[in-house]
């Protein structure tokens, strides 16, 4: 496995290791991933696929394997974007962004790891609250989204 960049945050590093462990036995995902790039109180890594796959198939596999929830699915002007998020109340603090071009195929996706539940909630809430957002294809309501952070 590629060595992770130590970003001095045990929550982000632990979530990264947990995710790698959950993906390791699935043949769709490459066993080697890039280093975590530090961004304020977040870390981002690119996960490569072993072969190009449809965006819907990748999202479906991730939902089944990681038990993540779909936040939104957006298709406009030959581009598709799907955002999934983990269950923060069980200390899984990450979101997954999958993007494809007009063919609907992907060969990688981005995982954003968060240093706290508050950082994760604030980051993902912007899709609902930012007036400039281009998204309106939410898979869940804002109230249902917030319920994921209250248990």
N, C-alpha and C. Protein backbone atom coordinates (compact mmCIF):
# COMPACT_ATOMS: atom_id res chain seq x y z
N UNK A 1 0.82 -1.19 0.00
CA UNK A 1 0.00 0.00 0.00
C UNK A 1 0.87 1.25 0.00
N UNK A 2 0.38 2.28 -0.63
CA UNK A 2 1.09 3.54 -0.64
C UNK A 2 1.06 4.15 0.76
N UNK A 3 2.18 4.71 1.15
CA UNK A 3 2.27 5.29 2.48
C UNK A 3 1.40 6.54 2.59
N UNK A 4 0.70 6.67 3.70
CA UNK A 4 -0.15 7.84 3.90
C UNK A 4 0.68 9.00 4.41
N UNK A 5 0.27 10.16 4.06
CA UNK A 5 0.91 11.37 4.58
C UNK A 5 0.36 11.60 5.99
N UNK A 6 1.23 11.72 6.95
CA UNK A 6 0.79 11.95 8.32
C UNK A 6 0.33 13.39 8.44
N UNK A 7 -0.96 13.58 8.62
CA UNK A 7 -1.48 14.93 8.70
C UNK A 7 -1.79 15.34 10.13
N UNK A 8 -1.25 14.55 11.06
CA UNK A 8 -1.33 14.93 12.47
C UNK A 8 -2.76 15.01 13.00
N UNK A 9 -3.62 14.17 12.52
CA UNK A 9 -4.99 14.13 13.03
C UNK A 9 -5.40 12.66 13.09
N UNK A 10 -5.49 12.13 14.28
CA UNK A 10 -5.76 10.70 14.43
C UNK A 10 -7.14 10.31 13.91
N UNK A 11 -8.12 11.19 14.00
CA UNK A 11 -9.47 10.87 13.49
C UNK A 11 -9.43 10.68 11.98
N UNK A 12 -8.78 11.60 11.28
CA UNK A 12 -8.68 11.49 9.82
C UNK A 12 -7.87 10.26 9.45
N UNK A 13 -6.74 10.05 10.09
CA UNK A 13 -5.89 8.89 9.79
C UNK A 13 -6.61 7.58 10.09
N UNK A 14 -7.33 7.51 11.20
CA UNK A 14 -8.08 6.29 11.55
C UNK A 14 -9.16 5.99 10.52
N UNK A 15 -9.90 7.03 10.10
CA UNK A 15 -10.95 6.83 9.10
C UNK A 15 -10.37 6.40 7.77
N UNK A 16 -9.22 6.92 7.42
CA UNK A 16 -8.53 6.52 6.19
C UNK A 16 -8.19 5.03 6.24
N UNK A 17 -7.62 4.59 7.35
CA UNK A 17 -7.25 3.18 7.50
C UNK A 17 -8.49 2.28 7.49
N UNK A 18 -9.56 2.70 8.14
CA UNK A 18 -10.80 1.92 8.15
C UNK A 18 -11.35 1.78 6.74
N UNK A 19 -11.38 2.88 5.99
CA UNK A 19 -11.88 2.84 4.62
C UNK A 19 -11.04 1.90 3.75
N UNK A 20 -9.71 2.01 3.84
CA UNK A 20 -8.85 1.12 3.05
C UNK A 20 -9.12 -0.34 3.39
N UNK A 21 -9.31 -0.62 4.65
CA UNK A 21 -9.59 -1.98 5.09
C UNK A 21 -10.92 -2.49 4.52
N UNK A 22 -11.92 -1.61 4.46
CA UNK A 22 -13.23 -2.01 3.94
C UNK A 22 -13.22 -2.20 2.43
N UNK A 23 -12.33 -1.50 1.73
CA UNK A 23 -12.26 -1.60 0.27
C UNK A 23 -11.33 -2.71 -0.23
N UNK A 24 -10.44 -3.20 0.63
CA UNK A 24 -9.34 -4.05 0.17
C UNK A 24 -9.77 -5.36 -0.49
N UNK A 25 -10.89 -5.93 -0.11
CA UNK A 25 -11.30 -7.22 -0.67
C UNK A 25 -12.22 -7.11 -1.88
N UNK A 26 -12.50 -5.90 -2.33
CA UNK A 26 -13.37 -5.71 -3.48
C UNK A 26 -12.51 -5.49 -4.72
N UNK A 27 -12.72 -6.30 -5.74
CA UNK A 27 -11.86 -6.26 -6.93
C UNK A 27 -12.04 -4.99 -7.77
N UNK A 28 -13.08 -4.19 -7.50
CA UNK A 28 -13.28 -2.96 -8.27
C UNK A 28 -12.30 -1.87 -7.87
N UNK A 29 -11.82 -1.91 -6.64
CA UNK A 29 -10.97 -0.84 -6.12
C UNK A 29 -9.51 -1.27 -6.05
N UNK A 30 -8.61 -0.40 -6.50
CA UNK A 30 -7.19 -0.70 -6.46
C UNK A 30 -6.72 -0.76 -5.01
N UNK A 31 -5.81 -1.69 -4.72
CA UNK A 31 -5.33 -1.80 -3.34
C UNK A 31 -4.40 -0.66 -2.93
N UNK A 32 -3.89 0.10 -3.90
CA UNK A 32 -2.99 1.21 -3.58
C UNK A 32 -3.70 2.53 -3.84
N UNK A 33 -3.54 3.46 -2.92
CA UNK A 33 -4.17 4.76 -3.03
C UNK A 33 -3.13 5.84 -2.77
N UNK A 34 -3.42 7.03 -3.20
CA UNK A 34 -2.51 8.15 -3.01
C UNK A 34 -2.45 8.61 -1.57
N UNK A 35 -1.57 9.53 -1.32
CA UNK A 35 -1.44 10.13 0.00
C UNK A 35 -2.62 11.02 0.31
N UNK A 36 -2.89 11.21 1.58
CA UNK A 36 -3.93 12.15 1.99
C UNK A 36 -3.37 13.56 1.83
N UNK A 37 -4.14 14.40 1.17
CA UNK A 37 -3.78 15.81 1.04
C UNK A 37 -4.50 16.57 2.13
N UNK A 38 -3.76 17.28 2.95
CA UNK A 38 -4.35 18.04 4.06
C UNK A 38 -4.96 19.33 3.56
N UNK A 39 -6.17 19.63 4.04
CA UNK A 39 -6.89 20.84 3.71
C UNK A 39 -7.60 21.33 4.96
N UNK A 40 -7.03 22.28 5.67
CA UNK A 40 -7.60 22.77 6.93
C UNK A 40 -7.89 21.61 7.87
N UNK A 41 -9.14 21.37 8.20
CA UNK A 41 -9.50 20.29 9.11
C UNK A 41 -10.09 19.10 8.36
N UNK A 42 -9.61 18.92 7.11
CA UNK A 42 -10.05 17.81 6.27
C UNK A 42 -8.83 17.18 5.60
N UNK A 43 -9.02 15.97 5.13
CA UNK A 43 -8.02 15.30 4.32
C UNK A 43 -8.71 14.70 3.11
N UNK A 44 -8.05 14.73 1.96
CA UNK A 44 -8.66 14.22 0.72
C UNK A 44 -7.72 13.21 0.08
N UNK A 45 -8.30 12.12 -0.41
CA UNK A 45 -7.52 11.11 -1.12
C UNK A 45 -8.30 10.68 -2.36
N UNK A 46 -7.58 10.31 -3.40
CA UNK A 46 -8.18 9.78 -4.62
C UNK A 46 -8.08 8.26 -4.56
N UNK A 47 -9.20 7.59 -4.78
CA UNK A 47 -9.24 6.12 -4.83
C UNK A 47 -9.41 5.73 -6.29
N UNK A 48 -8.49 4.95 -6.80
CA UNK A 48 -8.54 4.51 -8.20
C UNK A 48 -9.28 3.18 -8.32
N UNK A 49 -9.95 3.03 -9.45
CA UNK A 49 -10.64 1.77 -9.76
C UNK A 49 -9.72 0.88 -10.59
N UNK A 50 -9.93 -0.41 -10.53
CA UNK A 50 -9.13 -1.34 -11.33
C UNK A 50 -9.51 -1.29 -12.80
N UNK A 51 -10.74 -0.83 -13.08
CA UNK A 51 -11.21 -0.68 -14.46
C UNK A 51 -12.27 0.40 -14.49
N UNK A 52 -12.44 1.01 -15.66
CA UNK A 52 -13.52 1.99 -15.79
C UNK A 52 -14.85 1.31 -15.55
N UNK A 53 -15.71 2.01 -14.81
CA UNK A 53 -17.03 1.47 -14.50
C UNK A 53 -18.04 2.59 -14.58
N UNK A 54 -19.30 2.22 -14.67
CA UNK A 54 -20.34 3.26 -14.72
C UNK A 54 -20.45 3.91 -13.35
N UNK A 55 -20.77 5.18 -13.35
CA UNK A 55 -20.88 5.92 -12.10
C UNK A 55 -21.94 5.32 -11.19
N UNK A 56 -23.02 4.84 -11.78
CA UNK A 56 -24.08 4.25 -10.96
C UNK A 56 -23.64 2.93 -10.33
N UNK A 57 -22.84 2.15 -11.04
CA UNK A 57 -22.35 0.89 -10.48
C UNK A 57 -21.37 1.15 -9.33
N UNK A 58 -20.50 2.12 -9.50
CA UNK A 58 -19.55 2.46 -8.43
C UNK A 58 -20.30 2.94 -7.20
N UNK A 59 -21.29 3.81 -7.40
CA UNK A 59 -22.08 4.31 -6.27
C UNK A 59 -22.81 3.17 -5.57
N UNK A 60 -23.39 2.27 -6.35
CA UNK A 60 -24.12 1.13 -5.78
C UNK A 60 -23.19 0.24 -4.97
N UNK A 61 -22.02 -0.05 -5.51
CA UNK A 61 -21.06 -0.90 -4.78
C UNK A 61 -20.59 -0.23 -3.49
N UNK A 62 -20.34 1.06 -3.55
CA UNK A 62 -19.90 1.78 -2.35
C UNK A 62 -21.01 1.80 -1.30
N UNK A 63 -22.24 1.99 -1.73
CA UNK A 63 -23.36 2.01 -0.79
C UNK A 63 -23.50 0.66 -0.10
N UNK A 64 -23.36 -0.42 -0.85
CA UNK A 64 -23.49 -1.75 -0.27
C UNK A 64 -22.30 -2.10 0.63
N UNK A 65 -21.11 -1.79 0.17
CA UNK A 65 -19.89 -2.16 0.89
C UNK A 65 -19.66 -1.32 2.14
N UNK A 66 -19.89 -0.02 2.03
CA UNK A 66 -19.56 0.90 3.12
C UNK A 66 -20.77 1.37 3.92
N UNK A 67 -21.95 1.00 3.46
CA UNK A 67 -23.19 1.45 4.10
C UNK A 67 -23.24 2.98 4.21
N UNK A 68 -22.92 3.63 3.09
CA UNK A 68 -22.98 5.09 3.02
C UNK A 68 -24.34 5.51 2.47
N UNK A 69 -24.70 6.75 2.73
CA UNK A 69 -25.99 7.31 2.31
C UNK A 69 -25.77 8.28 1.15
N UNK A 70 -26.65 8.23 0.16
CA UNK A 70 -26.54 9.17 -0.95
C UNK A 70 -27.10 10.52 -0.52
N UNK A 71 -26.29 11.55 -0.71
CA UNK A 71 -26.72 12.92 -0.44
C UNK A 71 -27.38 13.51 -1.68
N UNK A 72 -26.70 13.38 -2.81
CA UNK A 72 -27.27 13.91 -4.04
C UNK A 72 -26.72 13.20 -5.25
N UNK A 73 -27.50 13.26 -6.31
CA UNK A 73 -27.10 12.76 -7.61
C UNK A 73 -27.46 13.85 -8.60
N UNK A 74 -26.47 14.36 -9.30
CA UNK A 74 -26.64 15.54 -10.13
C UNK A 74 -26.20 15.22 -11.56
N UNK A 75 -27.05 15.47 -12.52
CA UNK A 75 -26.69 15.28 -13.93
C UNK A 75 -27.10 16.52 -14.72
N UNK A 76 -26.13 17.17 -15.29
CA UNK A 76 -26.36 18.35 -16.12
C UNK A 76 -25.26 18.45 -17.17
N UNK A 77 -25.65 18.84 -18.36
CA UNK A 77 -24.69 19.14 -19.42
C UNK A 77 -23.60 18.08 -19.56
N UNK A 78 -24.02 16.84 -19.70
CA UNK A 78 -23.10 15.72 -19.91
C UNK A 78 -22.17 15.44 -18.73
N UNK A 79 -22.49 15.91 -17.56
CA UNK A 79 -21.68 15.62 -16.38
C UNK A 79 -22.59 15.06 -15.29
N UNK A 80 -22.08 14.07 -14.59
CA UNK A 80 -22.82 13.49 -13.49
C UNK A 80 -21.96 13.53 -12.25
N UNK A 81 -22.59 13.84 -11.12
CA UNK A 81 -21.88 13.90 -9.85
C UNK A 81 -22.75 13.25 -8.80
N UNK A 82 -22.17 12.35 -8.03
CA UNK A 82 -22.86 11.69 -6.92
C UNK A 82 -22.05 11.92 -5.66
N UNK A 83 -22.73 12.31 -4.59
CA UNK A 83 -22.06 12.50 -3.31
C UNK A 83 -22.72 11.56 -2.29
N UNK A 84 -21.88 10.78 -1.65
CA UNK A 84 -22.29 9.84 -0.61
C UNK A 84 -21.63 10.26 0.70
N UNK A 85 -22.22 9.89 1.82
CA UNK A 85 -21.56 10.19 3.10
C UNK A 85 -21.74 9.05 4.09
N UNK A 86 -20.76 8.93 4.95
CA UNK A 86 -20.76 7.87 5.96
C UNK A 86 -21.63 8.27 7.14
N UNK A 87 -21.78 7.34 8.07
CA UNK A 87 -22.59 7.59 9.26
C UNK A 87 -21.74 8.18 10.37
N UNK A 88 -21.85 9.47 10.59
CA UNK A 88 -20.98 10.12 11.58
C UNK A 88 -21.21 9.66 13.01
N UNK A 89 -22.42 9.23 13.33
CA UNK A 89 -22.69 8.84 14.71
C UNK A 89 -21.98 7.54 15.09
N UNK A 90 -21.45 6.80 14.13
CA UNK A 90 -20.64 5.63 14.46
C UNK A 90 -19.16 5.91 14.15
N UNK A 91 -18.81 7.18 14.22
CA UNK A 91 -17.42 7.64 14.07
C UNK A 91 -16.82 7.39 12.71
N UNK A 92 -17.63 7.30 11.69
CA UNK A 92 -17.13 7.26 10.32
C UNK A 92 -17.36 8.65 9.75
N UNK A 93 -16.28 9.37 9.54
CA UNK A 93 -16.38 10.77 9.17
C UNK A 93 -15.76 11.02 7.80
N UNK A 94 -16.49 10.64 6.74
CA UNK A 94 -16.01 10.91 5.39
C UNK A 94 -17.17 11.03 4.42
N UNK A 95 -16.89 11.69 3.31
CA UNK A 95 -17.83 11.75 2.20
C UNK A 95 -17.10 11.31 0.94
N UNK A 96 -17.87 10.86 -0.04
CA UNK A 96 -17.32 10.35 -1.29
C UNK A 96 -17.94 11.12 -2.43
N UNK A 97 -17.10 11.63 -3.31
CA UNK A 97 -17.56 12.35 -4.49
C UNK A 97 -17.14 11.57 -5.73
N UNK A 98 -18.13 11.21 -6.54
CA UNK A 98 -17.87 10.48 -7.78
C UNK A 98 -18.34 11.37 -8.92
N UNK A 99 -17.48 11.59 -9.90
CA UNK A 99 -17.84 12.45 -11.03
C UNK A 99 -17.54 11.74 -12.34
N UNK A 100 -18.41 11.93 -13.33
CA UNK A 100 -18.16 11.35 -14.64
C UNK A 100 -18.45 12.37 -15.73
N UNK A 101 -17.94 12.06 -16.90
CA UNK A 101 -18.21 12.91 -18.06
C UNK A 101 -19.45 12.40 -18.78
N UNK A 102 -19.61 12.79 -20.02
CA UNK A 102 -20.82 12.46 -20.77
C UNK A 102 -21.05 10.96 -20.98
N UNK A 103 -20.00 10.18 -20.90
CA UNK A 103 -20.16 8.73 -21.08
C UNK A 103 -20.66 8.02 -19.82
N UNK A 104 -20.60 8.70 -18.69
CA UNK A 104 -21.05 8.10 -17.43
C UNK A 104 -20.07 7.13 -16.83
N UNK A 105 -18.82 7.16 -17.30
CA UNK A 105 -17.80 6.24 -16.80
C UNK A 105 -16.85 6.96 -15.86
N UNK A 106 -16.34 6.22 -14.88
CA UNK A 106 -15.37 6.77 -13.93
C UNK A 106 -14.22 5.79 -13.77
N UNK A 107 -13.05 6.33 -13.42
CA UNK A 107 -11.92 5.46 -13.10
C UNK A 107 -11.32 5.80 -11.74
N UNK A 108 -11.94 6.76 -11.04
CA UNK A 108 -11.53 7.08 -9.68
C UNK A 108 -12.63 7.88 -8.99
N UNK A 109 -12.45 8.13 -7.71
CA UNK A 109 -13.35 8.98 -6.95
C UNK A 109 -12.58 9.60 -5.80
N UNK A 110 -13.15 10.65 -5.22
CA UNK A 110 -12.51 11.38 -4.13
C UNK A 110 -13.18 11.06 -2.81
N UNK A 111 -12.36 10.90 -1.78
CA UNK A 111 -12.88 10.71 -0.43
C UNK A 111 -12.36 11.87 0.41
N UNK A 112 -13.28 12.55 1.08
CA UNK A 112 -12.91 13.63 1.99
C UNK A 112 -13.11 13.12 3.41
N UNK A 113 -12.05 13.18 4.20
CA UNK A 113 -12.10 12.76 5.59
C UNK A 113 -12.18 14.01 6.46
N UNK A 114 -12.94 13.92 7.52
CA UNK A 114 -13.18 15.09 8.38
C UNK A 114 -12.59 14.87 9.77
N UNK A 115 -12.15 15.95 10.38
CA UNK A 115 -11.54 15.89 11.70
C UNK A 115 -12.57 15.82 12.83
N UNK A 116 -13.82 16.18 12.53
CA UNK A 116 -14.88 16.13 13.54
C UNK A 116 -16.24 16.04 12.86
N UNK A 117 -17.24 15.66 13.64
CA UNK A 117 -18.60 15.59 13.14
C UNK A 117 -19.08 16.98 12.71
N UNK A 118 -18.70 18.00 13.46
CA UNK A 118 -19.12 19.37 13.13
C UNK A 118 -18.55 19.83 11.79
N UNK A 119 -17.29 19.51 11.54
CA UNK A 119 -16.67 19.89 10.27
C UNK A 119 -17.37 19.18 9.12
N UNK A 120 -17.68 17.91 9.30
CA UNK A 120 -18.38 17.15 8.26
C UNK A 120 -19.76 17.73 8.00
N UNK A 121 -20.51 17.99 9.05
CA UNK A 121 -21.87 18.53 8.90
C UNK A 121 -21.83 19.89 8.20
N UNK A 122 -20.92 20.75 8.61
CA UNK A 122 -20.82 22.07 7.99
C UNK A 122 -20.44 21.97 6.51
N UNK A 123 -19.52 21.10 6.20
CA UNK A 123 -19.07 20.96 4.81
C UNK A 123 -20.20 20.45 3.92
N UNK A 124 -20.90 19.42 4.35
CA UNK A 124 -21.97 18.85 3.53
C UNK A 124 -23.24 19.68 3.55
N UNK A 125 -23.46 20.44 4.62
CA UNK A 125 -24.65 21.31 4.69
C UNK A 125 -24.64 22.38 3.62
N UNK A 126 -23.47 22.75 3.16
CA UNK A 126 -23.39 23.83 2.17
C UNK A 126 -24.14 23.50 0.89
N UNK A 127 -24.28 22.22 0.58
CA UNK A 127 -25.04 21.86 -0.61
C UNK A 127 -26.51 22.26 -0.47
N UNK A 128 -27.01 22.25 0.75
CA UNK A 128 -28.39 22.64 1.01
C UNK A 128 -28.55 24.14 1.21
N UNK A 129 -27.55 24.78 1.80
CA UNK A 129 -27.72 26.15 2.27
C UNK A 129 -27.09 27.22 1.40
N UNK A 130 -26.14 26.88 0.57
CA UNK A 130 -25.47 27.87 -0.26
C UNK A 130 -26.39 28.32 -1.40
N UNK A 131 -26.66 29.60 -1.46
CA UNK A 131 -27.56 30.14 -2.49
C UNK A 131 -27.01 29.96 -3.90
N UNK A 132 -25.69 29.84 -4.02
CA UNK A 132 -25.07 29.71 -5.33
C UNK A 132 -24.99 28.27 -5.81
N UNK A 133 -25.42 27.34 -4.97
CA UNK A 133 -25.28 25.93 -5.32
C UNK A 133 -26.08 25.60 -6.58
N UNK A 134 -25.52 24.70 -7.36
CA UNK A 134 -26.18 24.28 -8.59
C UNK A 134 -26.96 22.99 -8.39
N UNK A 135 -26.96 22.49 -7.18
CA UNK A 135 -27.58 21.19 -6.91
C UNK A 135 -29.01 21.35 -6.43
N UNK A 136 -29.87 20.53 -6.97
CA UNK A 136 -31.24 20.47 -6.49
C UNK A 136 -31.77 19.05 -6.56
N UNK A 137 -30.89 18.11 -6.81
CA UNK A 137 -31.28 16.71 -6.97
C UNK A 137 -30.88 15.90 -5.74
N UNK A 138 -31.43 16.28 -4.61
CA UNK A 138 -31.05 15.63 -3.36
C UNK A 138 -31.77 14.30 -3.20
N UNK A 139 -31.04 13.34 -2.67
CA UNK A 139 -31.62 12.02 -2.41
C UNK A 139 -32.33 12.01 -1.06
N UNK A 140 -31.99 12.96 -0.19
CA UNK A 140 -32.64 13.07 1.12
C UNK A 140 -32.92 14.55 1.39
N UNK A 141 -33.80 14.81 2.32
CA UNK A 141 -34.10 16.19 2.69
C UNK A 141 -33.04 16.70 3.66
N UNK A 142 -33.00 18.00 3.83
CA UNK A 142 -32.04 18.60 4.75
C UNK A 142 -32.30 18.12 6.18
N UNK A 143 -33.54 18.00 6.55
CA UNK A 143 -33.89 17.53 7.90
C UNK A 143 -33.40 16.09 8.09
N UNK A 144 -33.62 15.23 7.10
CA UNK A 144 -33.15 13.84 7.20
C UNK A 144 -31.62 13.78 7.23
N UNK A 145 -30.98 14.67 6.48
CA UNK A 145 -29.52 14.75 6.52
C UNK A 145 -29.05 15.08 7.93
N UNK A 146 -29.65 16.08 8.54
CA UNK A 146 -29.25 16.49 9.89
C UNK A 146 -29.47 15.38 10.91
N UNK A 147 -30.46 14.55 10.71
CA UNK A 147 -30.73 13.45 11.63
C UNK A 147 -29.58 12.47 11.71
N UNK A 148 -28.77 12.39 10.66
CA UNK A 148 -27.61 11.51 10.67
C UNK A 148 -26.56 11.96 11.69
N UNK A 149 -26.66 13.19 12.11
CA UNK A 149 -25.68 13.74 13.06
C UNK A 149 -26.21 13.78 14.48
N UNK A 150 -27.42 13.33 14.67
CA UNK A 150 -28.04 13.34 16.01
C UNK A 150 -28.50 11.93 16.34
N UNK A 151 -27.90 11.33 17.33
CA UNK A 151 -28.32 9.98 17.74
C UNK A 151 -28.33 9.91 19.24
